[in-house]
Amino acid sequence: MKDRPGIKGAVSIPLRTYILTSAIFWTLTIAVLLMWNLEREDDQALDSAHIQARSSFDKDVLYRSWNAGHGGVYAPVSGDMQPNPYLDVPERDIVTTSGQQLTMINPAFMIRQVHELGQRDYGTRAHITSLNPIRPDNAPDPWERNALQAFERGDTESSSSEEINGMLYLRLMRPLITEKKCLKCHAAQGYEEGDIRGGISNSVPMAPHLAIAQSHKMIMWRGFGLIWLLGIAGIVFAAFKLNHHIRERDMAQEAWRQAKKTAEDASRAKSEFLASMSHE
């Protein structure tokens, strides 16, 4: 019975080490996975905004192509729709047989109006520009100028997260390639088919994309927290089961030692008794 405390000490110390080591390893594993997933959410928010900006650019190009394919389109002259003073083409302004005054809307003018509607209704910002704009308001800002210069060096896209008026935007800019149908207006400016004629920058507010990412992050925190708790509970349960098994084993070994000692004592007593009887 004297060795029982020693057995208990030998079992309890490794068991505590097992619980602590397993809990630390599990916690670090969950933390690493959580951090990785949280970082992926930020990346996905940027990817989502990037996709939106590129989709806006693709639609702008389609609108321009459609308009240029028709040689420009006409719209009634009104207070909001005045003739474009920078458009120098024959029949820019016409009058219908009924007396309706119409003015030609070229692709660039149409795109500017679409951009204004997008900013008003959806908070998106876009700007058609070039390094040598005919219209002063089309002059590029510093970010756009850097992108336009990169296009001339062979780049096909420029994008980054930037603050505009205190709000975070994903800015994307791609070059405009001169098509054959664009030469009606731009051949006189020295452009040829395939030339880069400026570009369109599309700026998408990051707030909606970051809000979605934040919502996903909250779900992740709860989900990974629950998984961590379940893991810790499993470790503790396994430790208790192991401790119970060790105790049962120790009790069985102790019972075996007691039985062996009892048998040895009985055998020794029997031997002593027989030896005494034999002597007598």
Protein backbone atom coordinates (compact mmCIF):
# COMPACT_ATOMS: atom_id res chain seq x y z
CA MET A 1 0.00 0.00 0.00
CA LYS A 2 3.01 2.29 0.45
CA ASP A 3 3.59 2.73 -3.32
CA ARG A 4 0.05 4.00 -4.09
CA PRO A 5 0.81 7.74 -3.66
CA GLY A 6 3.77 7.34 -6.00
CA ILE A 7 1.50 5.80 -8.65
CA LYS A 8 -1.01 8.62 -8.32
CA GLY A 9 1.73 11.23 -8.73
CA ALA A 10 3.16 9.48 -11.78
CA VAL A 11 -0.25 9.46 -13.48
CA SER A 12 -1.56 12.94 -12.58
CA ILE A 13 1.45 14.94 -13.79
CA PRO A 14 1.45 13.54 -17.39
CA LEU A 15 -2.33 13.88 -17.47
CA ARG A 16 -2.17 17.56 -16.60
CA THR A 17 0.56 17.99 -19.21
CA TYR A 18 -1.63 16.22 -21.79
CA ILE A 19 -4.60 18.49 -21.08
CA LEU A 20 -2.53 21.69 -21.15
CA THR A 21 -0.58 20.73 -24.29
CA SER A 22 -3.71 19.60 -26.15
CA ALA A 23 -5.61 22.76 -25.16
CA ILE A 24 -2.75 25.03 -26.30
CA PHE A 25 -2.36 23.18 -29.61
CA TRP A 26 -6.12 23.27 -30.25
CA THR A 27 -6.35 26.97 -29.39
CA LEU A 28 -3.44 27.86 -31.70
CA THR A 29 -4.94 25.79 -34.52
CA ILE A 30 -8.33 27.51 -34.22
CA ALA A 31 -6.68 30.95 -33.95
CA VAL A 32 -4.60 30.41 -37.10
CA LEU A 33 -7.61 29.16 -39.06
CA LEU A 34 -9.75 32.05 -37.82
CA MET A 35 -7.14 34.68 -38.73
CA TRP A 36 -6.69 33.13 -42.16
CA ASN A 37 -10.44 33.15 -42.83
CA LEU A 38 -10.82 36.73 -41.55
CA GLU A 39 -8.04 37.84 -43.88
CA ARG A 40 -9.71 36.01 -46.76
CA GLU A 41 -12.91 37.96 -46.07
CA ASP A 42 -11.03 41.24 -46.54
CA ASP A 43 -9.54 39.92 -49.77
CA GLN A 44 -12.97 38.80 -50.97
CA ALA A 45 -14.40 42.27 -50.24
CA LEU A 46 -11.71 43.75 -52.49
CA ASP A 47 -12.33 41.10 -55.13
CA SER A 48 -16.07 41.80 -55.06
CA ALA A 49 -15.53 45.55 -55.47
CA HIS A 50 -13.01 44.87 -58.22
CA ILE A 51 -15.54 42.74 -60.10
CA GLN A 52 -18.16 45.49 -59.76
CA ALA A 53 -15.74 48.14 -61.07
CA ARG A 54 -14.67 45.99 -64.00
CA SER A 55 -18.31 45.21 -64.83
CA SER A 56 -19.04 48.96 -64.85
CA PHE A 57 -16.15 49.55 -67.22
CA ASP A 58 -17.32 46.74 -69.54
CA LYS A 59 -20.81 48.28 -69.67
CA ASP A 60 -19.34 51.70 -70.42
CA VAL A 61 -17.42 50.22 -73.35
CA LEU A 62 -20.57 48.51 -74.63
CA TYR A 63 -22.54 51.77 -74.45
CA ARG A 64 -19.76 53.60 -76.28
CA SER A 65 -19.54 50.89 -78.94
CA TRP A 66 -23.30 50.92 -79.49
CA ASN A 67 -23.38 54.71 -79.77
CA ALA A 68 -20.36 54.86 -82.09
CA GLY A 69 -21.81 52.09 -84.22
CA HIS A 70 -24.80 54.32 -84.93
CA GLY A 71 -22.62 57.38 -85.60
CA GLY A 72 -24.01 59.04 -82.49
CA VAL A 73 -27.61 59.34 -81.37
CA TYR A 74 -29.94 62.32 -81.16
CA ALA A 75 -31.83 63.64 -78.15
CA PRO A 76 -34.26 66.55 -77.79
CA VAL A 77 -32.66 69.81 -76.72
CA SER A 78 -33.82 70.87 -73.24
CA GLY A 79 -32.60 72.65 -70.15
CA ASP A 80 -30.71 69.51 -69.06
CA MET A 81 -29.66 68.55 -72.57
CA GLN A 82 -27.73 71.25 -74.36
CA PRO A 83 -25.62 70.80 -77.52
CA ASN A 84 -22.09 69.60 -76.89
CA PRO A 85 -19.79 72.53 -77.73
CA TYR A 86 -16.79 70.18 -78.02
CA LEU A 87 -18.43 68.04 -80.70
CA ASP A 88 -17.49 69.42 -84.11
CA VAL A 89 -19.27 67.25 -86.67
CA PRO A 90 -21.73 68.00 -89.48
CA GLU A 91 -25.37 67.87 -88.49
CA ARG A 92 -24.64 68.09 -84.80
CA ASP A 93 -27.94 69.94 -84.41
CA ILE A 94 -31.01 69.26 -86.52
CA VAL A 95 -34.67 70.19 -86.56
CA THR A 96 -37.35 67.62 -87.31
CA THR A 97 -40.22 68.27 -89.70
CA SER A 98 -42.40 68.95 -86.69
CA GLY A 99 -40.00 71.60 -85.42
CA GLN A 100 -38.39 69.52 -82.66
CA GLN A 101 -34.78 70.55 -82.02
CA LEU A 102 -32.38 67.59 -81.66
CA THR A 103 -28.70 67.49 -80.78
CA MET A 104 -26.24 64.66 -81.37
CA ILE A 105 -25.04 62.74 -78.33
CA ASN A 106 -21.62 61.27 -78.99
CA PRO A 107 -20.32 58.25 -76.97
CA ALA A 108 -18.21 60.27 -74.51
CA PHE A 109 -21.07 62.67 -73.73
CA MET A 110 -23.50 59.79 -73.23
CA ILE A 111 -21.09 58.01 -70.87
CA ARG A 112 -20.63 61.17 -68.79
CA GLN A 113 -24.37 61.41 -68.30
CA VAL A 114 -24.60 57.75 -67.32
CA HIS A 115 -21.80 58.31 -64.79
CA GLU A 116 -23.66 61.23 -63.27
CA LEU A 117 -26.74 59.06 -62.80
CA GLY A 118 -24.63 56.30 -61.25
CA GLN A 119 -23.09 58.67 -58.73
CA ARG A 120 -26.46 60.16 -57.85
CA ASP A 121 -28.35 56.88 -57.47
CA TYR A 122 -25.68 54.33 -56.42
CA GLY A 123 -22.72 56.30 -55.07
CA THR A 124 -20.37 55.01 -57.77
CA ARG A 125 -17.93 57.43 -59.35
CA ALA A 126 -16.57 57.22 -62.88
CA HIS A 127 -14.63 59.51 -65.15
CA ILE A 128 -13.74 59.34 -68.83
CA THR A 129 -10.41 61.08 -69.32
CA SER A 130 -7.15 61.25 -71.25
CA LEU A 131 -3.73 62.86 -71.00
CA ASN A 132 -4.76 65.46 -73.59
CA PRO A 133 -8.49 66.04 -73.12
CA ILE A 134 -10.42 68.32 -75.43
CA ARG A 135 -12.85 69.19 -72.65
CA PRO A 136 -11.10 70.74 -69.58
CA ASP A 137 -13.42 68.98 -67.13
CA ASN A 138 -12.16 65.67 -68.50
CA ALA A 139 -8.64 66.32 -67.21
CA PRO A 140 -7.29 63.40 -65.14
CA ASP A 141 -6.61 63.60 -61.42
CA PRO A 142 -3.13 62.51 -60.18
CA TRP A 143 -4.17 58.86 -59.73
CA GLU A 144 -5.72 58.75 -63.21
CA ARG A 145 -2.69 60.44 -64.75
CA ASN A 146 -0.39 57.75 -63.31
CA ALA A 147 -2.69 55.06 -64.68
CA LEU A 148 -2.81 56.66 -68.14
CA GLN A 149 0.96 56.90 -68.25
CA ALA A 150 1.18 53.22 -67.25
CA PHE A 151 -1.13 52.35 -70.18
CA GLU A 152 1.28 54.01 -72.56
CA ARG A 153 4.01 51.77 -71.13
CA GLY A 154 1.92 48.69 -71.89
CA ASP A 155 -0.18 48.13 -68.75
CA THR A 156 -3.76 47.04 -69.32
CA GLU A 157 -5.27 47.86 -65.94
CA SER A 158 -4.65 49.88 -62.80
CA SER A 159 -6.49 49.43 -59.50
CA SER A 160 -6.05 50.25 -55.81
CA SER A 161 -7.97 51.23 -52.68
CA GLU A 162 -8.11 55.01 -52.34
CA GLU A 163 -9.91 57.58 -50.22
CA ILE A 164 -12.08 60.11 -52.02
CA ASN A 165 -13.66 62.86 -49.89
CA GLY A 166 -13.08 60.78 -46.76
CA MET A 167 -14.66 57.60 -48.16
CA LEU A 168 -12.81 54.45 -49.18
CA TYR A 169 -13.19 53.39 -52.82
CA LEU A 170 -11.83 50.64 -55.01
CA ARG A 171 -10.51 52.55 -58.02
CA LEU A 172 -10.04 50.76 -61.31
CA MET A 173 -9.01 52.17 -64.66
CA ARG A 174 -8.62 50.52 -68.03
CA PRO A 175 -7.65 52.04 -71.38
CA LEU A 176 -10.03 52.91 -74.20
CA ILE A 177 -8.95 51.40 -77.51
CA THR A 178 -9.88 53.28 -80.68
CA GLU A 179 -12.16 51.24 -82.91
CA LYS A 180 -12.87 51.82 -86.59
CA LYS A 181 -16.31 53.20 -85.84
CA CYS A 182 -14.72 55.79 -83.49
CA LEU A 183 -12.73 57.37 -86.31
CA LYS A 184 -15.73 59.41 -87.49
CA CYS A 185 -14.98 61.82 -84.66
CA HIS A 186 -11.39 61.04 -83.71
CA ALA A 187 -9.61 60.57 -87.05
CA ALA A 188 -9.23 64.34 -87.30
CA GLN A 189 -7.41 64.28 -83.94
CA GLY A 190 -4.75 61.96 -85.35
CA TYR A 191 -5.98 58.69 -83.87
CA GLU A 192 -5.83 55.40 -85.75
CA GLU A 193 -7.59 52.13 -85.14
CA GLY A 194 -6.00 50.33 -82.17
CA ASP A 195 -4.60 53.48 -80.54
CA ILE A 196 -5.15 54.08 -76.83
CA ARG A 197 -7.43 57.08 -76.47
CA GLY A 198 -7.49 57.73 -72.76
CA GLY A 199 -9.41 55.55 -70.38
CA ILE A 200 -12.32 55.27 -67.99
CA SER A 201 -11.80 55.16 -64.24
CA ASN A 202 -14.51 53.49 -62.15
CA SER A 203 -14.57 54.01 -58.38
CA VAL A 204 -16.74 51.66 -56.32
CA PRO A 205 -17.58 52.46 -52.66
CA MET A 206 -16.03 49.86 -50.38
CA ALA A 207 -18.55 50.43 -47.56
CA PRO A 208 -21.21 47.91 -48.78
CA HIS A 209 -18.58 45.26 -49.51
CA LEU A 210 -16.86 45.79 -46.15
CA ALA A 211 -20.23 45.63 -44.37
CA ILE A 212 -20.88 42.21 -45.89
CA ALA A 213 -17.37 41.10 -44.95
CA GLN A 214 -17.91 42.32 -41.36
CA SER A 215 -21.15 40.34 -41.14
CA HIS A 216 -19.33 37.22 -42.33
CA LYS A 217 -16.57 37.87 -39.79
CA MET A 218 -19.05 37.99 -36.91
CA ILE A 219 -20.46 34.64 -38.02
CA MET A 220 -16.92 33.26 -38.19
CA TRP A 221 -16.08 34.46 -34.68
CA ARG A 222 -19.17 32.72 -33.31
CA GLY A 223 -18.63 29.57 -35.37
CA PHE A 224 -14.94 29.19 -34.57
CA GLY A 225 -15.64 30.03 -30.91
CA LEU A 226 -18.19 27.21 -30.74
CA ILE A 227 -15.79 24.81 -32.46
CA TRP A 228 -13.05 25.80 -29.98
CA LEU A 229 -15.36 25.17 -27.02
CA LEU A 230 -16.38 21.79 -28.40
CA GLY A 231 -12.72 20.90 -28.87
CA ILE A 232 -11.81 21.93 -25.32
CA ALA A 233 -14.78 19.96 -23.99
CA GLY A 234 -13.61 16.95 -25.99
CA ILE A 235 -10.09 17.26 -24.59
CA VAL A 236 -11.39 17.49 -21.00
CA PHE A 237 -13.77 14.58 -21.54
CA ALA A 238 -10.97 12.47 -23.02
CA ALA A 239 -8.74 13.39 -20.09
CA PHE A 240 -11.38 12.32 -17.57
CA LYS A 241 -11.93 9.06 -19.45
CA LEU A 242 -8.18 8.44 -19.52
CA ASN A 243 -7.89 9.27 -15.83
CA HIS A 244 -10.77 6.88 -15.07
CA HIS A 245 -9.08 4.16 -17.08
CA ILE A 246 -5.78 4.74 -15.28
CA ARG A 247 -7.51 4.59 -11.89
CA GLU A 248 -9.24 1.34 -12.79
CA ARG A 249 -5.92 -0.08 -13.99
CA ASP A 250 -4.17 1.03 -10.78
CA MET A 251 -6.96 -0.49 -8.66
CA ALA A 252 -6.69 -3.76 -10.56
CA GLN A 253 -2.90 -3.78 -10.16
CA GLU A 254 -3.26 -3.00 -6.45
CA ALA A 255 -5.81 -5.80 -6.02
CA TRP A 256 -3.49 -8.16 -7.86
CA ARG A 257 -0.58 -7.18 -5.61
CA GLN A 258 -2.73 -7.64 -2.50
CA ALA A 259 -3.89 -11.06 -3.69
CA LYS A 260 -0.32 -12.03 -4.51
CA LYS A 261 0.86 -10.86 -1.09
CA THR A 262 -1.97 -12.71 0.63
CA ALA A 263 -1.12 -15.87 -1.32
CA GLU A 264 2.56 -15.49 -0.51
CA ASP A 265 1.77 -14.91 3.18
CA ALA A 266 -0.51 -17.97 3.19
CA SER A 267 2.14 -20.06 1.44
CA ARG A 268 4.79 -18.92 3.86
CA ALA A 269 2.54 -19.64 6.85
CA LYS A 270 1.77 -23.06 5.44
CA SER A 271 5.46 -23.80 4.93
CA GLU A 272 6.27 -22.67 8.44
CA PHE A 273 3.43 -24.80 9.83
CA LEU A 274 4.57 -27.90 7.93
CA ALA A 275 8.17 -27.34 8.97
CA SER A 276 7.08 -27.01 12.62
CA MET A 277 4.97 -30.20 12.42
CA SER A 278 7.81 -32.07 10.76
CA HIS A 279 10.23 -31.00 13.48
CA GLU A 280 7.88 -32.10 16.22
